[in-house]
Protein backbone atom coordinates (compact mmCIF):
# COMPACT_ATOMS: atom_id res chain seq x y z
CA THR A 1 -71.91 -155.67 27.66
CA VAL A 2 -75.30 -154.16 28.65
CA VAL A 3 -74.05 -152.50 31.91
CA GLU A 4 -71.44 -150.13 30.13
CA PRO A 5 -73.79 -147.28 28.88
CA GLU A 6 -74.83 -146.09 32.36
CA PRO A 7 -72.29 -143.28 32.84
CA GLU A 8 -73.69 -141.28 29.83
CA PRO A 9 -76.95 -140.04 31.50
CA LYS A 10 -75.03 -138.90 34.59
CA VAL A 11 -72.89 -136.44 32.63
CA GLU A 12 -75.87 -134.71 30.93
CA THR A 13 -77.96 -133.95 34.04
CA GLU A 14 -75.17 -132.55 36.24
CA PRO A 15 -73.80 -129.75 34.04
CA VAL A 16 -77.20 -128.58 32.75
CA ALA A 17 -78.67 -127.98 36.18
CA GLU A 18 -75.62 -126.00 37.40
CA VAL A 19 -75.25 -123.67 34.32
CA VAL A 20 -78.92 -122.55 34.05
CA PRO A 21 -79.34 -121.04 37.54
CA ASP A 22 -75.93 -119.30 37.38
CA ALA A 23 -76.74 -117.43 34.09
CA GLN A 24 -80.30 -116.35 35.01
CA PRO A 25 -79.63 -114.07 37.97
CA GLU A 26 -76.81 -112.14 36.19
CA PRO A 27 -78.74 -110.83 33.13
CA THR A 28 -82.05 -110.13 34.95
CA SER A 29 -80.66 -107.94 37.74
CA GLU A 30 -78.09 -105.88 35.70
CA PRO A 31 -80.27 -104.66 32.77
CA GLU A 32 -82.91 -103.27 35.18
CA THR A 33 -80.41 -100.95 36.87
CA VAL A 34 -78.86 -99.86 33.53
CA VAL A 35 -82.21 -98.77 32.03
CA GLU A 36 -82.96 -96.33 34.87
CA PRO A 37 -79.98 -93.91 34.34
CA GLU A 38 -80.69 -93.69 30.55
CA PRO A 39 -83.59 -91.20 30.90
CA GLU A 40 -81.27 -88.86 32.86
CA PRO A 41 -79.07 -88.01 29.76
CA LYS A 42 -82.35 -87.34 27.87
CA VAL A 43 -82.77 -84.26 30.06
CA GLU A 44 -79.31 -83.04 28.94
CA THR A 45 -80.51 -82.92 25.30
CA GLU A 46 -83.31 -80.49 26.24
CA PRO A 47 -80.98 -77.52 26.95
CA VAL A 48 -79.52 -78.09 23.48
CA ALA A 49 -82.96 -77.28 22.07
CA GLU A 50 -83.01 -74.13 24.25
CA VAL A 51 -79.80 -72.81 22.62
CA VAL A 52 -81.46 -72.81 19.16
CA PRO A 53 -84.14 -70.20 20.01
CA ASP A 54 -81.43 -68.02 21.61
CA ALA A 55 -79.63 -67.75 18.21
CA GLN A 56 -82.84 -67.25 16.24
CA PRO A 57 -83.73 -63.69 17.29
CA GLU A 58 -80.33 -62.27 16.25
CA PRO A 59 -80.43 -63.00 12.47
CA THR A 60 -84.23 -62.87 11.99
CA SER A 61 -85.10 -59.57 13.68
CA GLU A 62 -82.33 -57.28 12.29
CA PRO A 63 -82.21 -58.33 8.60
CA ALA A 64 -86.02 -58.35 8.48
CA THR A 65 -86.04 -54.55 8.96
CA VAL A 66 -83.30 -54.00 6.34
CA VAL A 67 -85.07 -56.01 3.66
CA GLU A 68 -88.32 -54.08 3.95
CA PRO A 69 -87.04 -50.62 2.79
CA GLU A 70 -85.05 -52.07 -0.16
CA PRO A 71 -88.06 -53.07 -2.31
CA GLU A 72 -89.52 -49.59 -1.78
CA ALA A 73 -86.43 -47.97 -3.40
CA GLU A 74 -85.94 -50.55 -6.13
CA SER A 75 -87.49 -48.28 -8.73
CA ALA A 76 -84.87 -45.62 -7.96
CA ALA A 77 -82.00 -48.05 -8.64
CA VAL A 78 -78.70 -46.24 -7.98
CA VAL A 79 -80.40 -43.24 -6.36
CA ALA A 80 -81.74 -45.41 -3.48
CA PRO A 81 -78.66 -45.13 -1.17
CA ALA A 82 -78.52 -41.35 -1.67
CA ALA A 83 -82.23 -40.91 -0.87
CA ALA A 84 -82.00 -42.99 2.31
CA GLY A 85 -80.67 -40.01 4.28
CA GLY A 86 -82.25 -36.57 4.14
CA GLU A 87 -78.92 -34.74 3.57
CA ASP A 88 -77.70 -37.01 0.79
CA ALA A 89 -80.62 -36.29 -1.58
CA PRO A 90 -79.08 -33.11 -3.18
CA GLN A 91 -76.21 -35.24 -4.54
CA GLY A 92 -78.40 -36.23 -7.49
CA ALA A 93 -77.84 -32.82 -9.19
CA PRO A 94 -74.07 -33.14 -9.87
CA ALA A 95 -74.66 -36.61 -11.31
CA ALA A 96 -76.61 -35.05 -14.18
CA ASP A 97 -73.74 -32.63 -14.83
CA ASP A 98 -71.26 -35.48 -15.12
CA GLU A 99 -73.34 -37.19 -17.78
CA GLY A 100 -73.63 -34.04 -19.82
CA SER A 101 -69.90 -33.18 -19.83
CA THR A 102 -67.60 -36.05 -20.62
CA GLY A 103 -69.48 -39.22 -19.69
CA GLY A 104 -71.77 -39.05 -22.70
CA ASP A 105 -68.90 -38.32 -25.10
CA GLU A 106 -66.84 -41.22 -23.81
CA LYS A 107 -69.73 -43.64 -24.32
CA ALA A 108 -70.30 -42.36 -27.86
CA VAL A 109 -66.71 -42.99 -28.97
CA PRO A 110 -66.20 -46.65 -30.02
CA ALA A 111 -63.54 -48.64 -28.23
CA ALA A 112 -61.57 -48.96 -31.47
CA LEU A 113 -61.17 -45.17 -31.58
CA ARG A 114 -60.61 -44.60 -27.87
CA SER A 115 -56.81 -44.46 -28.01
CA ALA A 116 -56.81 -42.04 -30.96
CA TYR A 117 -59.54 -39.96 -29.32
CA ASP A 118 -57.45 -39.56 -26.15
CA ALA A 119 -54.31 -38.74 -28.15
CA ALA A 120 -56.22 -36.09 -30.09
CA ALA A 121 -57.43 -34.53 -26.84
CA ALA A 122 -53.88 -34.36 -25.50
CA THR A 123 -52.51 -32.77 -28.69
CA LEU A 124 -55.32 -30.22 -28.85
CA ALA A 125 -54.61 -29.28 -25.24
CA ALA A 126 -50.88 -28.96 -25.91
CA HIS A 127 -51.58 -26.44 -28.69
CA GLN A 128 -54.28 -24.64 -26.67
CA LEU A 129 -56.96 -25.79 -29.10
CA THR A 130 -59.24 -27.52 -26.60
CA GLY A 131 -62.84 -26.54 -27.25
CA THR A 132 -62.14 -25.44 -30.82
CA THR A 133 -64.91 -26.25 -33.27
CA ALA A 134 -64.39 -26.84 -36.97
CA ARG A 135 -65.97 -28.71 -39.85
CA THR A 136 -63.61 -31.57 -40.68
CA TYR A 137 -62.68 -32.81 -44.17
CA LEU A 138 -60.44 -35.65 -45.34
CA VAL A 139 -59.01 -35.54 -48.86
CA LEU A 140 -57.52 -38.81 -50.12
CA ASP A 141 -55.24 -39.21 -53.12
CA ARG A 142 -56.29 -41.95 -55.56
CA SER A 143 -53.40 -41.71 -57.98
CA ALA A 144 -52.01 -45.03 -59.22
CA SER A 145 -49.01 -44.81 -56.89
CA MET A 146 -51.36 -44.84 -53.89
CA ARG A 147 -52.51 -48.42 -54.51
CA ALA A 148 -50.14 -49.89 -51.89
CA TYR A 149 -51.32 -47.47 -49.20
CA TYR A 150 -54.93 -48.52 -49.68
CA LYS A 151 -53.96 -52.16 -49.66
CA ASP A 152 -51.98 -52.03 -46.38
CA GLY A 153 -54.68 -50.05 -44.57
CA SER A 154 -52.80 -46.75 -44.30
CA ALA A 155 -55.63 -44.77 -45.91
CA GLN A 156 -58.23 -46.42 -43.65
CA ALA A 157 -56.09 -45.73 -40.58
CA LEU A 158 -55.78 -42.03 -41.45
CA GLY A 159 -59.53 -41.90 -41.91
CA GLU A 160 -60.12 -43.28 -38.41
CA GLN A 161 -57.55 -40.91 -36.89
CA THR A 162 -59.25 -37.97 -38.59
CA LEU A 163 -62.61 -39.17 -37.28
CA ALA A 164 -61.30 -39.37 -33.71
CA LEU A 165 -60.07 -35.79 -34.09
CA ALA A 166 -63.42 -34.71 -35.54
CA ALA A 167 -65.13 -36.13 -32.44
CA HIS A 168 -63.52 -33.21 -30.59
CA LEU A 169 -63.89 -30.53 -33.28
CA ASP A 170 -67.24 -31.22 -34.93
CA PRO A 171 -70.43 -31.37 -32.81
CA GLU A 172 -71.75 -33.95 -35.27
CA ALA A 173 -68.46 -35.93 -35.17
CA THR A 174 -68.52 -36.35 -38.95
CA VAL A 175 -65.67 -36.41 -41.48
CA HIS A 176 -66.53 -35.37 -45.02
CA VAL A 177 -64.36 -37.48 -47.33
CA ILE A 178 -63.26 -36.44 -50.83
CA PHE A 179 -61.39 -38.77 -53.21
CA PHE A 180 -59.45 -37.32 -56.10
CA SER A 181 -57.07 -38.41 -58.85
CA THR A 182 -57.14 -36.92 -62.34
CA GLU A 183 -60.42 -35.34 -61.30
CA LEU A 184 -62.92 -35.62 -58.48
CA ASP A 185 -63.47 -39.38 -58.02
CA GLY A 186 -66.11 -39.43 -55.32
CA THR A 187 -67.24 -38.35 -51.86
CA GLY A 188 -68.49 -39.96 -48.67
CA GLU A 189 -68.68 -39.61 -44.89
CA LEU A 190 -67.21 -41.15 -41.78
CA THR A 191 -69.19 -41.20 -38.54
CA LEU A 192 -68.72 -42.84 -35.17
CA ALA A 193 -71.45 -45.30 -36.08
CA GLU A 194 -70.10 -46.07 -39.57
CA HIS A 195 -66.34 -46.03 -39.96
CA GLU A 196 -65.07 -49.61 -39.97
CA ASN A 197 -63.60 -50.38 -43.41
CA LYS A 198 -65.56 -47.40 -44.75
CA ILE A 199 -62.59 -45.84 -46.58
CA ASP A 200 -61.71 -49.16 -48.21
CA ASP A 201 -65.31 -49.75 -49.26
CA LEU A 202 -65.70 -46.28 -50.75
CA HIS A 203 -62.38 -46.55 -52.56
CA ALA A 204 -63.28 -49.96 -54.00
CA GLY A 205 -66.39 -48.54 -55.63
CA LEU A 206 -64.69 -45.62 -57.38
CA GLY A 207 -63.16 -47.40 -60.36
CA ARG A 208 -59.74 -46.84 -61.88
CA MET A 209 -57.05 -44.76 -60.18
CA GLY A 210 -55.59 -41.83 -62.13
CA ARG A 211 -53.20 -38.91 -61.71
CA THR A 212 -52.75 -36.25 -59.01
CA SER A 213 -54.83 -33.11 -59.54
CA TYR A 214 -54.80 -31.13 -56.28
CA HIS A 215 -57.02 -28.37 -57.63
CA ALA A 216 -59.95 -30.75 -58.23
CA ALA A 217 -59.98 -31.67 -54.53
CA VAL A 218 -59.52 -28.08 -53.32
CA GLU A 219 -62.43 -26.89 -55.44
CA GLU A 220 -64.70 -29.66 -54.12
CA VAL A 221 -63.83 -28.81 -50.50
CA LEU A 222 -64.70 -25.16 -51.03
CA ALA A 223 -67.92 -26.05 -52.85
CA GLN A 224 -69.09 -28.28 -49.99
CA HIS A 225 -68.07 -25.80 -47.32
CA THR A 226 -69.75 -22.87 -49.02
CA LYS A 227 -72.98 -24.83 -49.20
CA ALA A 228 -72.86 -26.18 -45.64
CA ALA A 229 -71.21 -23.54 -43.41
CA PRO A 230 -69.28 -20.84 -45.30
CA ASP A 231 -68.40 -18.78 -42.21
CA ALA A 232 -67.37 -21.70 -39.98
CA PRO A 233 -63.74 -22.77 -39.49
CA ALA A 234 -62.70 -25.92 -41.34
CA LEU A 235 -59.75 -28.27 -41.03
CA VAL A 236 -58.87 -30.19 -44.20
CA VAL A 237 -56.56 -33.20 -43.77
CA PHE A 238 -55.20 -33.38 -47.31
CA GLN A 239 -53.39 -36.69 -47.94
CA THR A 240 -51.18 -37.23 -50.99
CA ASP A 241 -48.12 -39.23 -52.01
CA GLY A 242 -46.59 -36.76 -54.46
CA ALA A 243 -46.60 -33.35 -56.09
CA PRO A 244 -49.56 -32.19 -58.17
CA ASP A 245 -49.38 -33.07 -61.85
CA ALA A 246 -50.51 -29.54 -62.65
CA LYS A 247 -48.71 -27.26 -60.18
CA THR A 248 -50.05 -23.93 -61.46
CA PRO A 249 -53.75 -24.83 -61.07
CA ALA A 250 -53.01 -26.34 -57.65
CA THR A 251 -51.24 -23.23 -56.39
CA GLN A 252 -53.92 -20.97 -57.83
CA ALA A 253 -56.72 -22.94 -56.20
CA LEU A 254 -55.03 -22.80 -52.78
CA THR A 255 -54.24 -19.10 -53.16
CA ASP A 256 -57.83 -18.31 -54.06
CA ALA A 257 -59.03 -20.36 -51.12
CA ALA A 258 -56.90 -18.33 -48.73
CA LYS A 259 -58.68 -15.17 -49.95
CA SER A 260 -62.24 -16.42 -50.31
CA HIS A 261 -62.26 -18.88 -47.37
CA PRO A 262 -59.56 -17.78 -44.91
CA ALA A 263 -61.05 -20.02 -42.18
CA VAL A 264 -60.49 -23.18 -44.28
CA PHE A 265 -57.08 -24.64 -43.45
CA PHE A 266 -55.35 -27.32 -45.59
CA SER A 267 -53.03 -29.56 -43.55
CA PHE A 268 -51.14 -31.76 -46.05
CA VAL A 269 -50.10 -35.26 -44.95
CA ALA A 270 -47.53 -36.77 -47.33
CA PHE A 271 -47.17 -40.55 -47.65
CA GLY A 272 -43.78 -41.65 -49.04
CA ASP A 273 -40.05 -41.09 -48.77
CA PRO A 274 -39.48 -37.70 -47.11
CA GLU A 275 -36.40 -37.22 -49.29
CA ASN A 276 -38.43 -37.57 -52.46
CA LYS A 277 -38.11 -34.43 -54.57
CA ALA A 278 -41.79 -34.69 -55.37
CA PHE A 279 -42.44 -33.20 -51.94
CA ASP A 280 -40.44 -30.08 -52.77
CA TYR A 281 -43.72 -28.57 -53.89
CA LEU A 282 -45.11 -28.83 -50.36
CA ARG A 283 -41.86 -27.60 -48.81
CA LYS A 284 -41.93 -24.47 -50.96
CA LEU A 285 -45.65 -23.85 -50.54
CA LYS A 286 -45.87 -20.80 -48.28
CA LEU A 287 -49.49 -19.83 -47.84
CA PRO A 288 -51.27 -18.78 -44.64
CA ASN A 289 -53.88 -21.50 -45.09
CA THR A 290 -51.53 -24.49 -45.62
CA SER A 291 -49.01 -26.65 -43.76
CA HIS A 292 -47.40 -30.01 -44.51
CA PHE A 293 -46.39 -33.12 -42.57
CA LEU A 294 -44.09 -35.76 -44.06
CA ALA A 295 -45.51 -38.97 -42.63
CA GLY A 296 -42.93 -41.26 -44.28
CA GLU A 297 -43.09 -44.49 -46.20
CA THR A 298 -44.88 -46.42 -43.43
CA PRO A 299 -47.44 -43.93 -42.10
CA LYS A 300 -49.53 -46.66 -40.48
CA GLU A 301 -46.68 -47.33 -38.04
CA LEU A 302 -46.80 -43.79 -36.65
CA THR A 303 -48.45 -43.28 -33.29
CA ASP A 304 -51.69 -41.34 -33.08
CA ALA A 305 -49.87 -38.58 -31.20
CA GLU A 306 -47.29 -38.22 -33.99
CA VAL A 307 -50.00 -37.93 -36.63
CA TYR A 308 -51.95 -35.33 -34.67
CA GLU A 309 -48.83 -33.33 -33.95
CA GLY A 310 -48.08 -33.18 -37.67
CA ILE A 311 -51.65 -32.18 -38.56
CA LEU A 312 -52.18 -29.59 -35.84
CA ALA A 313 -48.71 -28.07 -35.50
CA ASN A 314 -49.48 -24.91 -37.53
CA TRP A 315 -53.29 -24.70 -37.36
CA ARG A 316 -54.52 -21.67 -35.43
CA PRO A 317 -58.18 -21.00 -36.29
């Protein structure tokens, strides 16, 4: 039983001695030859670094010269490109002319009035009235039957249309507003700076609405015009929704105005049914200083061009 374990030590010594010498020569010789070619590709990376400086001079040198003159002309803002060349400098003179002609006017007119302002310009041109100057008045009826037209914004809309027209006619772009009913109810002004809801606000502060006395409004217009500019032309947009309660005083006031103030023109704008017999008074009114335009029952739905055509059709200052 003791002799049997002898073969075990023989197996351990034989394989260990053979495997160790075989593995040693293979790793030691091969890694030494592999390490030597590795520094050669390191040289290939060096030309990559040489390409970088080649690209550097192109962007750095040219933009550097462009950036330097720009800060010098920064104070001139828009003028800088024109001043860069010697021949372009005189172009600054026409720029001033542009600002003085139409550019300034266009900036002064609010965006809300731009469409009406353009329509007014077109209508004035069509009637050869471009460049005409006139003091502009707006007379508004405050009789009880007008309540609906204030409520739906028709009176306010006519005020803004008249203001856009005044921006062409009046150097001050101001509309002198006169409210009337049984008598003179009140006055006010519309300007480009103050026009939003201005008619509604003025109307709301004038108390009860009354009857329709044309002559009270005509007399107030003439009184204001005589005091302000008696010899200047004037366009009066006279809004009403019916005939005057007292026709004789109305006709007399307009007739007297034609004699004493021939340059003051009354352009009537009638709100209401065109077939209403109440407007027969305006149809039969034949004076050199009056005209009438039947705007209909929904005047707010008319285009600006239609309103201006009705107001300006017979005005020849």
